Amino acid sequence: MTTVGIIGINGMVGQKMLAQLQKIKFPFELKTFGRQDEIPALDIAVLCTDNPVSAQLVPALKNRVKFMVDMSSEFRMSEEVPLVIPEINPQVITKDTQLIASPNCTTTGLVMSLAPLRDFYHITEAFFCSYQAISGGGKKLLDDFHTPGSLYEKNCVPLIGSIQANGHTSEELKGLYETRKIMDWPHIKVYCHTVRVGVENSHSLGVTIKAKENFDLDQIKKLWNKFPNLVYSEKVITPKEVSGKEETFICRLRADVEDTKIIHYFVTFDNLLKGAAMNGRQIVEELLQRFFK
């Protein structure tokens, strides 16, 4: 029987991944491992590990594992490693693809809103300001958040990741470069400002995009609602409502006041599900369905 292993089972993403993989209907044997455990031969390994651990595991498992799904950012921008959201670009996985990267949670929310429009509009620019939940920073940040006097209590902190030489944070650069790679739009301009907010779970984005064509709002709503795991609502949707749900939600679509080639909208989704574990599960499902029948 096909074997699927979770490496990093004790972490927050590892536990979410376990719950997600247990939903898969294809027959397979599920195994779980801590970061320091000896890993046997597997058909698929899901690495729920941070960058340094993933960097060590990938070469160590190369001869023991047929496919690896890495949830860290370590290999996302490696040219030979596909960066996959199954609703958007599953075709980049082949039978010879040993390592597959799952993208940044915030980038996921943006590209889920862009992908349904790609056959109808040439999108040239995207701006977003993120409102990222505490859970995105892992258990350590959640513990900090629940400590009296935490910087994050009833607050917004405009710093996620490390500040790079160009003044942007590592999180903001992920929004630019990962969007280009997932969408295969090497020339799109993406302007990002990422902010940690005092919300326990579910990320949100305020998004503005520009295209070469005039936008048709009714068409956009229909395209979003036809797309898998994407929901547009005329009601205001908040992070509290979407926590625990697998769909990505969009609301407050509106045309720009002055430019018909610009629209604005709000995206919110569970960052531990579609932004992490659910996307990993979908990649595993893709592998099981295509290569282990």
Protein backbone atom coordinates (compact mmCIF):
# COMPACT_ATOMS: atom_id res chain seq x y z
CA MET A 1 0.00 0.00 0.00
CA THR A 2 1.11 3.56 -0.69
CA THR A 3 2.81 5.13 2.33
CA VAL A 4 2.48 8.80 3.26
CA GLY A 5 4.50 10.23 6.14
CA ILE A 6 4.17 13.48 8.07
CA ILE A 7 7.51 14.74 9.37
CA GLY A 8 7.14 17.33 12.12
CA ILE A 9 3.97 15.88 13.61
CA ASN A 10 4.33 17.71 16.93
CA GLY A 11 4.07 21.22 15.50
CA MET A 12 0.93 23.23 14.82
CA VAL A 13 1.05 22.63 11.06
CA GLY A 14 1.90 18.96 11.62
CA GLN A 15 -1.21 18.46 13.73
CA LYS A 16 -3.36 20.29 11.20
CA MET A 17 -1.81 18.21 8.43
CA LEU A 18 -2.69 14.99 10.28
CA ALA A 19 -6.35 16.04 10.47
CA GLN A 20 -6.32 17.01 6.79
CA LEU A 21 -4.69 13.82 5.50
CA GLN A 22 -7.19 11.74 7.44
CA LYS A 23 -9.87 13.21 5.14
CA ILE A 24 -8.33 11.70 1.99
CA LYS A 25 -10.52 9.00 0.46
CA PHE A 26 -7.80 7.24 -1.52
CA PRO A 27 -6.38 4.17 0.24
CA PHE A 28 -2.94 4.75 1.78
CA GLU A 29 -0.99 4.07 4.96
CA LEU A 30 -0.32 7.17 7.08
CA LYS A 31 2.78 7.38 9.26
CA THR A 32 3.92 10.20 11.54
CA PHE A 33 7.38 11.24 12.69
CA GLY A 34 9.02 13.84 14.89
CA ARG A 35 11.76 16.01 13.43
CA GLN A 36 14.53 13.88 14.94
CA ASP A 37 13.05 10.46 14.13
CA GLU A 38 14.63 8.05 11.69
CA ILE A 39 12.59 8.19 8.47
CA PRO A 40 12.06 4.92 6.56
CA ALA A 41 11.36 4.58 2.84
CA LEU A 42 8.08 6.34 1.91
CA ASP A 43 6.11 7.04 -1.23
CA ILE A 44 5.21 10.58 -0.12
CA ALA A 45 6.71 12.62 2.72
CA VAL A 46 5.11 15.86 3.90
CA LEU A 47 7.68 18.06 5.61
CA CYS A 48 5.96 20.19 8.27
CA THR A 49 9.28 21.62 9.30
CA ASP A 50 11.05 24.98 9.36
CA ASN A 51 13.65 26.02 6.80
CA PRO A 52 16.82 24.64 8.47
CA VAL A 53 15.21 21.24 9.09
CA SER A 54 13.77 21.03 5.57
CA ALA A 55 17.18 21.97 4.15
CA GLN A 56 18.68 18.95 5.95
CA LEU A 57 15.82 16.52 5.29
CA VAL A 58 15.43 16.96 1.54
CA PRO A 59 18.89 15.70 0.55
CA ALA A 60 18.80 13.06 3.32
CA LEU A 61 15.51 11.61 2.02
CA LYS A 62 16.32 11.86 -1.67
CA ASN A 63 16.99 8.14 -2.09
CA ARG A 64 14.23 6.95 0.27
CA VAL A 65 11.17 8.98 -0.75
CA LYS A 66 9.53 9.21 -4.18
CA PHE A 67 7.76 12.56 -3.60
CA MET A 68 8.35 15.24 -0.96
CA VAL A 69 5.92 18.06 -0.16
CA ASP A 70 7.74 20.82 1.71
CA MET A 71 5.65 23.26 3.74
CA SER A 72 8.57 25.58 4.53
CA SER A 73 9.86 28.42 2.34
CA GLU A 74 13.32 26.86 1.93
CA PHE A 75 12.94 25.67 -1.68
CA ARG A 76 10.02 27.73 -2.96
CA MET A 77 12.06 29.91 -5.27
CA SER A 78 14.39 27.15 -6.49
CA GLU A 79 13.94 27.04 -10.26
CA GLU A 80 13.64 23.25 -10.39
CA VAL A 81 11.05 23.06 -7.58
CA PRO A 82 7.38 23.68 -8.52
CA LEU A 83 5.41 25.96 -6.21
CA VAL A 84 1.93 24.50 -6.25
CA ILE A 85 -1.64 25.44 -5.47
CA PRO A 86 -3.71 22.56 -6.90
CA GLU A 87 -6.62 24.78 -7.94
CA ILE A 88 -4.21 26.90 -10.00
CA ASN A 89 -1.18 25.03 -11.36
CA PRO A 90 -1.26 21.25 -10.71
CA GLN A 91 0.13 20.65 -14.21
CA VAL A 92 3.61 21.67 -13.09
CA ILE A 93 3.90 18.40 -11.14
CA THR A 94 5.17 15.46 -13.20
CA LYS A 95 6.07 11.87 -12.36
CA ASP A 96 9.70 13.00 -12.11
CA THR A 97 9.02 15.85 -9.69
CA GLN A 98 10.57 14.69 -6.44
CA LEU A 99 10.22 17.92 -4.44
CA ILE A 100 7.11 20.14 -4.43
CA ALA A 101 6.83 23.35 -2.42
CA SER A 102 3.62 24.67 -0.85
CA PRO A 103 3.44 28.47 -0.96
CA ASN A 104 3.32 31.24 1.60
CA CYS A 105 -0.06 31.57 3.28
CA THR A 106 -0.56 35.24 2.46
CA THR A 107 0.44 34.79 -1.18
CA THR A 108 -2.08 31.96 -1.38
CA GLY A 109 -4.94 34.31 -0.54
CA LEU A 110 -3.88 36.74 -3.24
CA VAL A 111 -3.38 34.24 -6.07
CA MET A 112 -6.63 32.42 -5.29
CA SER A 113 -8.36 35.69 -6.17
CA LEU A 114 -6.25 36.31 -9.28
CA ALA A 115 -6.36 32.87 -10.91
CA PRO A 116 -10.07 32.90 -11.93
CA LEU A 117 -9.49 36.15 -13.84
CA ARG A 118 -6.42 35.13 -15.85
CA ASP A 119 -8.26 34.00 -18.98
CA PHE A 120 -10.25 37.23 -19.20
CA TYR A 121 -7.97 40.01 -17.97
CA HIS A 122 -4.29 40.86 -18.34
CA ILE A 123 -3.48 41.85 -14.78
CA THR A 124 -0.44 44.11 -14.62
CA GLU A 125 -0.32 45.26 -11.00
CA ALA A 126 -1.50 44.06 -7.60
CA PHE A 127 -1.29 45.85 -4.28
CA PHE A 128 -2.21 44.37 -0.94
CA CYS A 129 -2.00 45.23 2.71
CA SER A 130 -2.23 42.09 4.83
CA TYR A 131 -3.88 41.63 8.21
CA GLN A 132 -2.18 38.43 9.34
CA ALA A 133 -3.33 36.33 12.29
CA ILE A 134 -1.16 35.40 15.25
CA SER A 135 -1.41 31.68 14.46
CA GLY A 136 0.64 32.31 11.34
CA GLY A 137 3.64 32.81 13.60
CA GLY A 138 3.27 29.38 15.21
CA LYS A 139 2.83 28.21 18.79
CA LYS A 140 5.56 30.49 20.15
CA LEU A 141 3.79 33.61 18.88
CA LEU A 142 0.41 32.33 20.10
CA ASP A 143 1.88 31.86 23.58
CA ASP A 144 3.31 35.39 23.42
CA PHE A 145 -0.07 36.74 22.29
CA HIS A 146 -1.78 35.22 25.34
CA THR A 147 0.83 36.64 27.72
CA PRO A 148 -0.29 39.88 29.47
CA GLY A 149 1.48 42.88 28.02
CA SER A 150 2.19 41.23 24.67
CA LEU A 151 3.08 43.64 21.86
CA TYR A 152 0.39 41.94 19.76
CA GLU A 153 -2.46 42.39 22.25
CA LYS A 154 -5.04 44.79 20.76
CA ASN A 155 -2.41 45.96 18.30
CA CYS A 156 -1.13 45.99 14.72
CA VAL A 157 2.55 45.30 14.13
CA PRO A 158 3.81 46.21 10.62
CA LEU A 159 6.67 43.72 10.66
CA ILE A 160 6.50 40.03 9.66
CA GLY A 161 9.72 38.19 8.94
CA SER A 162 13.08 39.90 8.75
CA ILE A 163 13.86 43.25 7.15
CA GLN A 164 15.97 42.78 4.03
CA ALA A 165 18.65 45.05 2.59
CA ASN A 166 16.09 46.80 0.36
CA GLY A 167 13.88 47.68 3.35
CA HIS A 168 11.16 45.16 2.53
CA THR A 169 10.49 42.25 4.84
CA SER A 170 11.01 38.63 3.82
CA GLU A 171 7.23 38.17 4.04
CA GLU A 172 6.60 41.05 1.62
CA LEU A 173 9.10 39.71 -0.89
CA LYS A 174 7.35 36.34 -0.80
CA GLY A 175 4.19 38.13 -1.90
CA LEU A 176 6.01 39.47 -4.96
CA TYR A 177 8.17 36.56 -6.09
CA GLU A 178 5.86 33.68 -5.20
CA THR A 179 2.95 35.35 -6.99
CA ARG A 180 5.03 35.64 -10.14
CA LYS A 181 6.08 31.99 -9.95
CA ILE A 182 2.66 30.46 -9.15
CA MET A 183 0.81 32.49 -11.77
CA ASP A 184 3.66 32.26 -14.30
CA TRP A 185 3.43 36.02 -14.64
CA PRO A 186 7.08 37.09 -14.50
CA HIS A 187 6.33 40.74 -15.15
CA ILE A 188 3.42 41.45 -12.79
CA LYS A 189 4.16 44.18 -10.28
CA VAL A 190 3.11 43.26 -6.75
CA TYR A 191 3.22 45.88 -3.99
CA CYS A 192 2.98 44.35 -0.52
CA HIS A 193 2.71 45.65 3.02
CA THR A 194 2.37 42.87 5.60
CA VAL A 195 0.99 43.47 9.08
CA ARG A 196 0.46 41.19 12.09
CA VAL A 197 -2.83 41.95 13.84
CA GLY A 198 -4.38 40.90 17.15
CA VAL A 199 -6.57 38.20 15.56
CA GLU A 200 -5.90 34.63 16.66
CA ASN A 201 -6.64 32.87 13.35
CA SER A 202 -7.38 33.60 9.67
CA HIS A 203 -5.44 36.01 7.48
CA SER A 204 -7.00 38.84 5.49
CA LEU A 205 -5.89 41.04 2.61
CA GLY A 206 -7.09 44.37 1.31
CA VAL A 207 -6.35 44.03 -2.42
CA THR A 208 -6.19 46.42 -5.36
CA ILE A 209 -5.46 45.13 -8.87
CA LYS A 210 -5.01 46.78 -12.25
CA ALA A 211 -5.56 45.26 -15.70
CA LYS A 212 -5.16 46.33 -19.32
CA GLU A 213 -8.93 45.90 -19.81
CA ASN A 214 -11.94 47.52 -18.15
CA PHE A 215 -13.27 45.31 -15.36
CA ASP A 216 -16.80 43.89 -15.44
CA LEU A 217 -17.82 43.45 -11.80
CA ASP A 218 -20.68 41.05 -12.47
CA GLN A 219 -18.41 38.84 -14.56
CA ILE A 220 -15.75 38.84 -11.83
CA LYS A 221 -18.23 37.76 -9.17
CA LYS A 222 -19.37 34.86 -11.36
CA LEU A 223 -15.78 33.82 -12.11
CA TRP A 224 -14.89 33.81 -8.43
CA ASN A 225 -17.91 31.76 -7.43
CA LYS A 226 -17.26 29.18 -10.18
CA PHE A 227 -13.67 28.66 -9.04
CA PRO A 228 -12.98 25.69 -6.71
CA ASN A 229 -12.83 26.54 -2.99
CA LEU A 230 -13.47 30.23 -3.61
CA VAL A 231 -16.57 32.13 -2.45
CA TYR A 232 -17.63 35.69 -3.24
CA SER A 233 -20.22 37.25 -0.94
CA GLU A 234 -22.07 40.55 -1.02
CA LYS A 235 -22.03 40.40 2.76
CA VAL A 236 -19.05 41.54 4.79
CA ILE A 237 -16.99 38.45 5.71
CA THR A 238 -14.55 38.58 8.63
CA PRO A 239 -11.68 36.37 9.83
CA LYS A 240 -13.74 35.15 12.78
CA GLU A 241 -16.37 33.69 10.43
CA VAL A 242 -13.95 31.83 8.18
CA SER A 243 -11.76 30.21 10.84
CA GLY A 244 -12.05 26.45 10.42
CA LYS A 245 -13.42 26.70 6.86
CA GLU A 246 -11.57 25.45 3.80
CA GLU A 247 -12.78 28.06 1.30
CA THR A 248 -11.14 31.38 0.55
CA PHE A 249 -13.70 34.19 0.87
CA ILE A 250 -13.89 37.50 -1.00
CA CYS A 251 -16.17 40.46 -0.30
CA ARG A 252 -16.44 44.21 -0.83
CA LEU A 253 -15.65 44.14 -4.54
CA ARG A 254 -15.83 47.64 -5.97
CA ALA A 255 -14.61 49.57 -8.98
CA ASP A 256 -12.08 52.32 -8.55
CA VAL A 257 -13.58 55.81 -8.31
CA GLU A 258 -11.54 57.13 -11.23
CA ASP A 259 -10.09 54.24 -13.23
CA THR A 260 -12.26 51.46 -14.74
CA LYS A 261 -9.17 49.26 -15.10
CA ILE A 262 -8.74 49.09 -11.31
CA ILE A 263 -10.78 47.17 -8.71
CA HIS A 264 -10.58 46.79 -4.95
CA TYR A 265 -11.69 43.91 -2.70
CA PHE A 266 -11.17 42.08 0.60
CA VAL A 267 -9.94 38.48 0.97
CA THR A 268 -10.03 36.36 4.12
CA PHE A 269 -9.21 32.68 4.74
CA ASP A 270 -8.00 30.24 7.38
CA ASN A 271 -4.22 30.51 7.17
CA LEU A 272 -3.69 27.12 8.85
CA LEU A 273 -5.96 25.39 6.32
CA LYS A 274 -5.84 26.78 2.76
CA GLY A 275 -2.78 28.76 3.75
CA ALA A 276 -0.97 25.61 4.92
CA ALA A 277 -2.30 22.15 5.80
CA MET A 278 -5.23 21.99 3.37
CA ASN A 279 -3.02 22.98 0.45
CA GLY A 280 -0.54 20.30 1.48
CA ARG A 281 -3.35 17.74 1.61
CA GLN A 282 -4.51 18.76 -1.87
CA ILE A 283 -0.99 18.24 -3.23
CA VAL A 284 -0.89 14.78 -1.65
CA GLU A 285 -4.30 14.00 -3.19
CA GLU A 286 -2.98 15.12 -6.57
CA LEU A 287 0.00 12.78 -6.23
CA LEU A 288 -2.11 9.83 -5.06
CA GLN A 289 -4.64 10.25 -7.85
CA ARG A 290 -2.13 10.69 -10.67
CA PHE A 291 0.77 8.44 -9.73
CA PHE A 292 -0.43 5.75 -7.29
CA LYS A 293 -3.66 4.39 -8.78
